[in-house]
């Protein structure tokens, strides 16, 4: 599952933040600011020779503390009877099938447990695109997903830059909603995503024209009505 999506510039200013997990959505403003700063501080200090994956348990104490109460269920990959949902969540489209690994019990006994919470990021010009995910997501799959997100924005805005994200916040959120919904990957095809964005833009333009026409032809009030 994808727990959060952050876009932060190289000065630590948050340009986009979406939280899909209740533990993150319930944060107060101060905790949210500290969490964004913690994620930015860790990714910005890493050199180009290091990988783009950060284990939250080791390097992000604030983020890890928000998930610690559910630590046992996260590590085992199971849910307690009292917390088990009526239906299992839809698996991510980018879940790594090869993660199942060999069925040999002897070899699995010596395999280290996968990190239960990770930060995966990519840097583009002045912006860091940061995804907070659990162990069910493929690291390389999330890197590809970030690339799809950025390339789709680039096609929407024609050479997207930080100012496009600042002044077109609604459109950026709409693009993200087409890709990720409720923490799960919904769409990765750029053509389909752009088609949905363009259809929404046409609906908005039509709605605005109807609103203007309605206000123009509406009965006059006040002095004009009195003269009649």
C-alpha atoms as a PDB file:
ATOM      1  CA  UNK A   1       0.000   0.000   0.000  1.00  0.00           C
ATOM      2  CA  UNK A   2       1.044   3.579  -0.632  1.00  0.00           C
ATOM      3  CA  UNK A   3       0.687   5.501   2.621  1.00  0.00           C
ATOM      4  CA  UNK A   4       1.655   8.989   1.408  1.00  0.00           C
ATOM      5  CA  UNK A   5       2.842  10.996  -1.590  1.00  0.00           C
ATOM      6  CA  UNK A   6       4.940  14.121  -1.054  1.00  0.00           C
ATOM      7  CA  UNK A   7       6.461  16.619  -3.461  1.00  0.00           C
ATOM      8  CA  UNK A   8       9.066  18.846  -1.797  1.00  0.00           C
ATOM      9  CA  UNK A   9      11.410  21.379  -3.382  1.00  0.00           C
ATOM     10  CA  UNK A  10      15.137  21.584  -2.671  1.00  0.00           C
ATOM     11  CA  UNK A  11      14.519  24.218   0.025  1.00  0.00           C
ATOM     12  CA  UNK A  12      12.224  21.910   2.007  1.00  0.00           C
ATOM     13  CA  UNK A  13       8.963  23.600   0.940  1.00  0.00           C
ATOM     14  CA  UNK A  14       6.129  21.103   0.511  1.00  0.00           C
ATOM     15  CA  UNK A  15       4.369  21.562  -2.847  1.00  0.00           C
ATOM     16  CA  UNK A  16       2.018  18.574  -2.637  1.00  0.00           C
ATOM     17  CA  UNK A  17       1.028  16.198   0.152  1.00  0.00           C
ATOM     18  CA  UNK A  18      -1.459  13.345   0.006  1.00  0.00           C
ATOM     19  CA  UNK A  19      -1.966  10.969   2.929  1.00  0.00           C
ATOM     20  CA  UNK A  20      -3.853   7.708   2.400  1.00  0.00           C
ATOM     21  CA  UNK A  21      -3.349   6.092   5.812  1.00  0.00           C
ATOM     22  CA  UNK A  22      -5.535   7.099   8.755  1.00  0.00           C
ATOM     23  CA  UNK A  23      -2.502   7.322  11.030  1.00  0.00           C
ATOM     24  CA  UNK A  24      -1.058  10.024   8.792  1.00  0.00           C
ATOM     25  CA  UNK A  25      -4.320  11.779   7.979  1.00  0.00           C
ATOM     26  CA  UNK A  26      -4.999  12.224  11.690  1.00  0.00           C
ATOM     27  CA  UNK A  27      -1.800  14.202  12.318  1.00  0.00           C
ATOM     28  CA  UNK A  28      -1.966  17.779  13.540  1.00  0.00           C
ATOM     29  CA  UNK A  29      -0.333  20.549  11.505  1.00  0.00           C
ATOM     30  CA  UNK A  30       2.822  20.605  13.630  1.00  0.00           C
ATOM     31  CA  UNK A  31       3.424  16.853  13.326  1.00  0.00           C
ATOM     32  CA  UNK A  32       2.740  16.984   9.600  1.00  0.00           C
ATOM     33  CA  UNK A  33       5.305  19.763   9.167  1.00  0.00           C
ATOM     34  CA  UNK A  34       7.920  17.817  11.143  1.00  0.00           C
ATOM     35  CA  UNK A  35       7.216  14.660   9.143  1.00  0.00           C
ATOM     36  CA  UNK A  36       7.660  16.431   5.801  1.00  0.00           C
ATOM     37  CA  UNK A  37      10.876  18.034   7.058  1.00  0.00           C
ATOM     38  CA  UNK A  38      12.187  14.675   8.301  1.00  0.00           C
ATOM     39  CA  UNK A  39      11.561  13.009   4.932  1.00  0.00           C
ATOM     40  CA  UNK A  40      13.131  15.928   3.057  1.00  0.00           C
ATOM     41  CA  UNK A  41      16.180  16.000   5.335  1.00  0.00           C
ATOM     42  CA  UNK A  42      16.861  12.290   4.770  1.00  0.00           C
ATOM     43  CA  UNK A  43      16.442  12.246   0.987  1.00  0.00           C
ATOM     44  CA  UNK A  44      18.295  15.518   0.362  1.00  0.00           C
ATOM     45  CA  UNK A  45      21.407  14.440   2.261  1.00  0.00           C
ATOM     46  CA  UNK A  46      21.852  11.209   0.304  1.00  0.00           C
ATOM     47  CA  UNK A  47      24.484  11.132  -2.404  1.00  0.00           C
ATOM     48  CA  UNK A  48      23.941  10.076  -5.995  1.00  0.00           C
ATOM     49  CA  UNK A  49      25.819   6.821  -5.353  1.00  0.00           C
ATOM     50  CA  UNK A  50      23.189   5.660  -2.824  1.00  0.00           C
ATOM     51  CA  UNK A  51      19.959   3.865  -3.669  1.00  0.00           C
ATOM     52  CA  UNK A  52      16.578   5.629  -3.637  1.00  0.00           C
ATOM     53  CA  UNK A  53      15.083   3.475  -0.874  1.00  0.00           C
ATOM     54  CA  UNK A  54      15.131   4.411   2.827  1.00  0.00           C
ATOM     55  CA  UNK A  55      14.056   2.090   5.638  1.00  0.00           C
ATOM     56  CA  UNK A  56      11.823   4.123   7.959  1.00  0.00           C
ATOM     57  CA  UNK A  57      12.585   1.948  10.974  1.00  0.00           C
ATOM     58  CA  UNK A  58      16.279   2.841  10.795  1.00  0.00           C
ATOM     59  CA  UNK A  59      16.355   6.398   9.452  1.00  0.00           C
ATOM     60  CA  UNK A  60      12.943   8.047   9.956  1.00  0.00           C
ATOM     61  CA  UNK A  61      12.049   7.857  13.660  1.00  0.00           C
ATOM     62  CA  UNK A  62       9.030  10.179  13.532  1.00  0.00           C
ATOM     63  CA  UNK A  63       7.448   8.368  10.594  1.00  0.00           C
ATOM     64  CA  UNK A  64       8.176   4.993  12.145  1.00  0.00           C
ATOM     65  CA  UNK A  65       6.667   6.043  15.495  1.00  0.00           C
ATOM     66  CA  UNK A  66       3.320   6.707  13.791  1.00  0.00           C
ATOM     67  CA  UNK A  67       3.182   3.101  12.560  1.00  0.00           C
ATOM     68  CA  UNK A  68       4.710   1.361  15.566  1.00  0.00           C
ATOM     69  CA  UNK A  69       1.371   0.340  17.202  1.00  0.00           C
ATOM     70  CA  UNK A  70       0.631  -1.849  14.152  1.00  0.00           C
ATOM     71  CA  UNK A  71       4.192  -3.110  13.919  1.00  0.00           C
ATOM     72  CA  UNK A  72       3.403  -6.761  14.630  1.00  0.00           C
ATOM     73  CA  UNK A  73       0.708  -7.034  11.990  1.00  0.00           C
ATOM     74  CA  UNK A  74       2.819  -5.151   9.436  1.00  0.00           C
ATOM     75  CA  UNK A  75       5.794  -7.475   9.872  1.00  0.00           C
ATOM     76  CA  UNK A  76       3.801 -10.694   9.773  1.00  0.00           C
ATOM     77  CA  UNK A  77       1.679  -9.549   6.873  1.00  0.00           C
ATOM     78  CA  UNK A  78      -1.482 -10.563   8.775  1.00  0.00           C
ATOM     79  CA  UNK A  79      -4.292  -8.744  10.503  1.00  0.00           C
ATOM     80  CA  UNK A  80      -5.735  -9.535  13.904  1.00  0.00           C
ATOM     81  CA  UNK A  81      -9.301 -10.870  14.040  1.00  0.00           C
ATOM     82  CA  UNK A  82     -10.615  -7.675  15.610  1.00  0.00           C
ATOM     83  CA  UNK A  83      -9.050  -5.506  12.903  1.00  0.00           C
ATOM     84  CA  UNK A  84      -9.543  -7.779   9.890  1.00  0.00           C
ATOM     85  CA  UNK A  85     -11.709  -6.082   7.219  1.00  0.00           C
ATOM     86  CA  UNK A  86     -14.706  -7.881   5.745  1.00  0.00           C
ATOM     87  CA  UNK A  87     -13.004  -7.959   2.354  1.00  0.00           C
ATOM     88  CA  UNK A  88      -9.303  -8.140   1.588  1.00  0.00           C
ATOM     89  CA  UNK A  89      -7.950  -4.966  -0.058  1.00  0.00           C
ATOM     90  CA  UNK A  90      -7.304  -4.969  -3.776  1.00  0.00           C
ATOM     91  CA  UNK A  91      -3.626  -5.806  -4.392  1.00  0.00           C
ATOM     92  CA  UNK A  92      -1.468  -3.157  -5.997  1.00  0.00           C
ATOM     93  CA  UNK A  93      -1.008  -3.441  -9.748  1.00  0.00           C
ATOM     94  CA  UNK A  94       2.726  -2.953  -9.245  1.00  0.00           C
ATOM     95  CA  UNK A  95       3.179  -5.580  -6.513  1.00  0.00           C
ATOM     96  CA  UNK A  96       6.339  -7.515  -7.240  1.00  0.00           C
ATOM     97  CA  UNK A  97       5.317 -11.059  -8.125  1.00  0.00           C
ATOM     98  CA  UNK A  98       8.860 -12.304  -7.650  1.00  0.00           C
ATOM     99  CA  UNK A  99       8.770 -11.231  -3.979  1.00  0.00           C
ATOM    100  CA  UNK A 100       7.110 -14.545  -3.148  1.00  0.00           C
ATOM    101  CA  UNK A 101      10.511 -16.155  -3.636  1.00  0.00           C
ATOM    102  CA  UNK A 102      11.363 -19.852  -3.386  1.00  0.00           C
ATOM    103  CA  UNK A 103       9.261 -22.246  -1.375  1.00  0.00           C
ATOM    104  CA  UNK A 104      12.246 -23.917   0.240  1.00  0.00           C
ATOM    105  CA  UNK A 105      11.729 -23.601   3.994  1.00  0.00           C
ATOM    106  CA  UNK A 106      15.404 -24.036   4.822  1.00  0.00           C
ATOM    107  CA  UNK A 107      16.523 -21.182   2.583  1.00  0.00           C
ATOM    108  CA  UNK A 108      13.684 -18.893   3.727  1.00  0.00           C
ATOM    109  CA  UNK A 109      14.719 -19.330   7.346  1.00  0.00           C
ATOM    110  CA  UNK A 110      17.904 -17.361   6.697  1.00  0.00           C
ATOM    111  CA  UNK A 111      16.311 -14.665   4.546  1.00  0.00           C
ATOM    112  CA  UNK A 112      16.163 -11.300   6.365  1.00  0.00           C
ATOM    113  CA  UNK A 113      12.712  -9.811   6.805  1.00  0.00           C
ATOM    114  CA  UNK A 114      11.777  -7.130   4.300  1.00  0.00           C
ATOM    115  CA  UNK A 115      11.412  -3.581   5.648  1.00  0.00           C
ATOM    116  CA  UNK A 116       7.830  -2.970   6.731  1.00  0.00           C
ATOM    117  CA  UNK A 117       7.852   0.739   5.849  1.00  0.00           C
ATOM    118  CA  UNK A 118       9.962   2.482   3.244  1.00  0.00           C
ATOM    119  CA  UNK A 119      10.446   5.891   1.694  1.00  0.00           C
ATOM    120  CA  UNK A 120      11.113   5.723  -2.052  1.00  0.00           C
ATOM    121  CA  UNK A 121      12.027   8.904  -3.894  1.00  0.00           C
ATOM    122  CA  UNK A 122      13.299  10.441  -7.119  1.00  0.00           C
ATOM    123  CA  UNK A 123      14.799  13.871  -7.691  1.00  0.00           C
ATOM    124  CA  UNK A 124      13.812  15.956 -10.722  1.00  0.00           C
ATOM    125  CA  UNK A 125      15.469  19.381 -11.062  1.00  0.00           C
ATOM    126  CA  UNK A 126      14.300  21.336  -7.980  1.00  0.00           C
ATOM    127  CA  UNK A 127      11.740  18.789  -6.740  1.00  0.00           C
ATOM    128  CA  UNK A 128      11.811  15.565  -4.745  1.00  0.00           C
ATOM    129  CA  UNK A 129       8.937  13.140  -5.381  1.00  0.00           C
ATOM    130  CA  UNK A 130       8.598  11.001  -2.247  1.00  0.00           C
ATOM    131  CA  UNK A 131       6.391   7.928  -1.752  1.00  0.00           C
ATOM    132  CA  UNK A 132       5.870   6.271   1.641  1.00  0.00           C
ATOM    133  CA  UNK A 133       4.972   2.597   1.098  1.00  0.00           C
ATOM    134  CA  UNK A 134       4.732  -0.666   3.007  1.00  0.00           C
ATOM    135  CA  UNK A 135       6.446  -3.982   2.286  1.00  0.00           C
ATOM    136  CA  UNK A 136       3.777  -5.080  -0.216  1.00  0.00           C
ATOM    137  CA  UNK A 137       5.000  -2.624  -2.854  1.00  0.00           C
ATOM    138  CA  UNK A 138       7.884  -3.223  -5.234  1.00  0.00           C
ATOM    139  CA  UNK A 139      10.676  -0.679  -4.853  1.00  0.00           C
ATOM    140  CA  UNK A 140      11.432  -0.642  -8.578  1.00  0.00           C
ATOM    141  CA  UNK A 141       7.714  -0.574  -9.343  1.00  0.00           C
ATOM    142  CA  UNK A 142       7.278   2.581  -7.253  1.00  0.00           C
ATOM    143  CA  UNK A 143      10.253   4.206  -8.993  1.00  0.00           C
ATOM    144  CA  UNK A 144       8.532   3.507 -12.312  1.00  0.00           C
ATOM    145  CA  UNK A 145       5.272   4.877 -10.903  1.00  0.00           C
ATOM    146  CA  UNK A 146       6.981   8.137  -9.934  1.00  0.00           C
ATOM    147  CA  UNK A 147       8.340   8.343 -13.481  1.00  0.00           C
ATOM    148  CA  UNK A 148       4.817   7.846 -14.886  1.00  0.00           C
ATOM    149  CA  UNK A 149       3.495  10.606 -12.598  1.00  0.00           C
ATOM    150  CA  UNK A 150       6.198  13.081 -13.630  1.00  0.00           C
ATOM    151  CA  UNK A 151       5.981  12.283 -17.345  1.00  0.00           C
ATOM    152  CA  UNK A 152       2.185  12.672 -17.247  1.00  0.00           C
ATOM    153  CA  UNK A 153       2.543  16.073 -15.572  1.00  0.00           C
ATOM    154  CA  UNK A 154       5.119  17.000 -18.205  1.00  0.00           C
ATOM    155  CA  UNK A 155       2.655  16.187 -20.983  1.00  0.00           C
ATOM    156  CA  UNK A 156      -0.158  18.043 -19.207  1.00  0.00           C
ATOM    157  CA  UNK A 157       1.814  21.257 -18.710  1.00  0.00           C
ATOM    158  CA  UNK A 158       4.410  20.970 -21.512  1.00  0.00           C
ATOM    159  CA  UNK A 159       7.756  20.936 -19.704  1.00  0.00           C
ATOM    160  CA  UNK A 160       6.345  20.940 -16.180  1.00  0.00           C
ATOM    161  CA  UNK A 161       8.157  22.966 -13.525  1.00  0.00           C
ATOM    162  CA  UNK A 162       7.647  23.808  -9.870  1.00  0.00           C
ATOM    163  CA  UNK A 163       5.470  26.843 -10.686  1.00  0.00           C
ATOM    164  CA  UNK A 164       3.035  24.632 -12.618  1.00  0.00           C
ATOM    165  CA  UNK A 165       2.477  22.542  -9.501  1.00  0.00           C
ATOM    166  CA  UNK A 166       2.018  25.655  -7.352  1.00  0.00           C
ATOM    167  CA  UNK A 167      -0.503  27.413  -9.611  1.00  0.00           C
ATOM    168  CA  UNK A 168      -2.346  24.322 -10.891  1.00  0.00           C
ATOM    169  CA  UNK A 169      -2.800  22.480  -7.640  1.00  0.00           C
ATOM    170  CA  UNK A 170      -6.239  21.060  -8.510  1.00  0.00           C
ATOM    171  CA  UNK A 171      -5.057  19.635 -11.828  1.00  0.00           C
ATOM    172  CA  UNK A 172      -1.993  18.033 -10.241  1.00  0.00           C
ATOM    173  CA  UNK A 173      -4.193  16.391  -7.597  1.00  0.00           C
ATOM    174  CA  UNK A 174      -6.533  15.155 -10.329  1.00  0.00           C
ATOM    175  CA  UNK A 175      -3.631  13.522 -12.181  1.00  0.00           C
ATOM    176  CA  UNK A 176      -2.464  11.865  -8.965  1.00  0.00           C
ATOM    177  CA  UNK A 177      -6.002  10.643  -8.221  1.00  0.00           C
ATOM    178  CA  UNK A 178      -6.097   8.952 -11.625  1.00  0.00           C
ATOM    179  CA  UNK A 179      -2.898   7.076 -10.756  1.00  0.00           C
ATOM    180  CA  UNK A 180      -3.369   6.334  -7.040  1.00  0.00           C
ATOM    181  CA  UNK A 181      -6.704   5.931  -5.269  1.00  0.00           C
ATOM    182  CA  UNK A 182      -7.011   5.051  -1.596  1.00  0.00           C
ATOM    183  CA  UNK A 183      -3.355   4.079  -1.449  1.00  0.00           C
ATOM    184  CA  UNK A 184      -3.553   1.582  -4.321  1.00  0.00           C
ATOM    185  CA  UNK A 185      -2.332   1.944  -7.888  1.00  0.00           C
ATOM    186  CA  UNK A 186      -5.269   2.362 -10.263  1.00  0.00           C
ATOM    187  CA  UNK A 187      -3.709   3.338 -13.594  1.00  0.00           C
ATOM    188  CA  UNK A 188      -0.240   3.476 -15.120  1.00  0.00           C
ATOM    189  CA  UNK A 189      -1.050   4.077 -18.799  1.00  0.00           C
ATOM    190  CA  UNK A 190      -0.223   7.699 -19.602  1.00  0.00           C
ATOM    191  CA  UNK A 191      -2.657   7.829 -22.522  1.00  0.00           C
ATOM    192  CA  UNK A 192      -5.595   6.770 -20.349  1.00  0.00           C
ATOM    193  CA  UNK A 193      -4.589   9.190 -17.591  1.00  0.00           C
ATOM    194  CA  UNK A 194      -4.301  12.105 -20.016  1.00  0.00           C
ATOM    195  CA  UNK A 195      -7.632  11.154 -21.600  1.00  0.00           C
ATOM    196  CA  UNK A 196      -9.351  11.361 -18.212  1.00  0.00           C
ATOM    197  CA  UNK A 197      -7.674  14.708 -17.456  1.00  0.00           C
ATOM    198  CA  UNK A 198      -8.726  16.167 -20.812  1.00  0.00           C
ATOM    199  CA  UNK A 199     -12.295  14.888 -20.400  1.00  0.00           C
ATOM    200  CA  UNK A 200     -12.468  16.540 -16.990  1.00  0.00           C
ATOM    201  CA  UNK A 201     -11.152  19.811 -18.461  1.00  0.00           C
ATOM    202  CA  UNK A 202     -13.865  19.734 -21.139  1.00  0.00           C
ATOM    203  CA  UNK A 203     -16.557  19.136 -18.514  1.00  0.00           C
ATOM    204  CA  UNK A 204     -15.275  22.068 -16.450  1.00  0.00           C
ATOM    205  CA  UNK A 205     -15.238  24.377 -19.496  1.00  0.00           C
ATOM    206  CA  UNK A 206     -18.788  23.334 -20.445  1.00  0.00           C
ATOM    207  CA  UNK A 207     -19.985  23.888 -16.883  1.00  0.00           C
ATOM    208  CA  UNK A 208     -18.439  27.365 -16.816  1.00  0.00           C
ATOM    209  CA  UNK A 209     -20.082  28.312 -20.128  1.00  0.00           C
ATOM    210  CA  UNK A 210     -23.460  27.133 -18.866  1.00  0.00           C
ATOM    211  CA  UNK A 211     -23.002  29.109 -15.654  1.00  0.00           C
ATOM    212  CA  UNK A 212     -22.140  32.301 -17.575  1.00  0.00           C
ATOM    213  CA  UNK A 213     -25.089  31.862 -19.944  1.00  0.00           C
ATOM    214  CA  UNK A 214     -27.458  31.228 -17.052  1.00  0.00           C
ATOM    215  CA  UNK A 215     -26.357  34.369 -15.224  1.00  0.00           C
ATOM    216  CA  UNK A 216     -26.556  36.447 -18.440  1.00  0.00           C
ATOM    217  CA  UNK A 217     -30.128  35.440 -19.280  1.00  0.00           C
ATOM    218  CA  UNK A 218     -31.413  35.392 -15.695  1.00  0.00           C
ATOM    219  CA  UNK A 219     -34.302  37.813 -14.899  1.00  0.00           C
ATOM    220  CA  UNK A 220     -33.089  41.209 -13.761  1.00  0.00           C
ATOM    221  CA  UNK A 221     -33.839  42.318 -10.234  1.00  0.00           C
ATOM    222  CA  UNK A 222     -33.862  45.604  -8.392  1.00  0.00           C
ATOM    223  CA  UNK A 223     -34.527  48.831 -10.317  1.00  0.00           C
ATOM    224  CA  UNK A 224     -35.212  47.120 -13.661  1.00  0.00           C
ATOM    225  CA  UNK A 225     -37.895  44.945 -12.106  1.00  0.00           C
ATOM    226  CA  UNK A 226     -39.487  47.982 -10.428  1.00  0.00           C
ATOM    227  CA  UNK A 227     -39.794  49.866 -13.745  1.00  0.00           C
ATOM    228  CA  UNK A 228     -41.879  47.063 -15.167  1.00  0.00           C
END
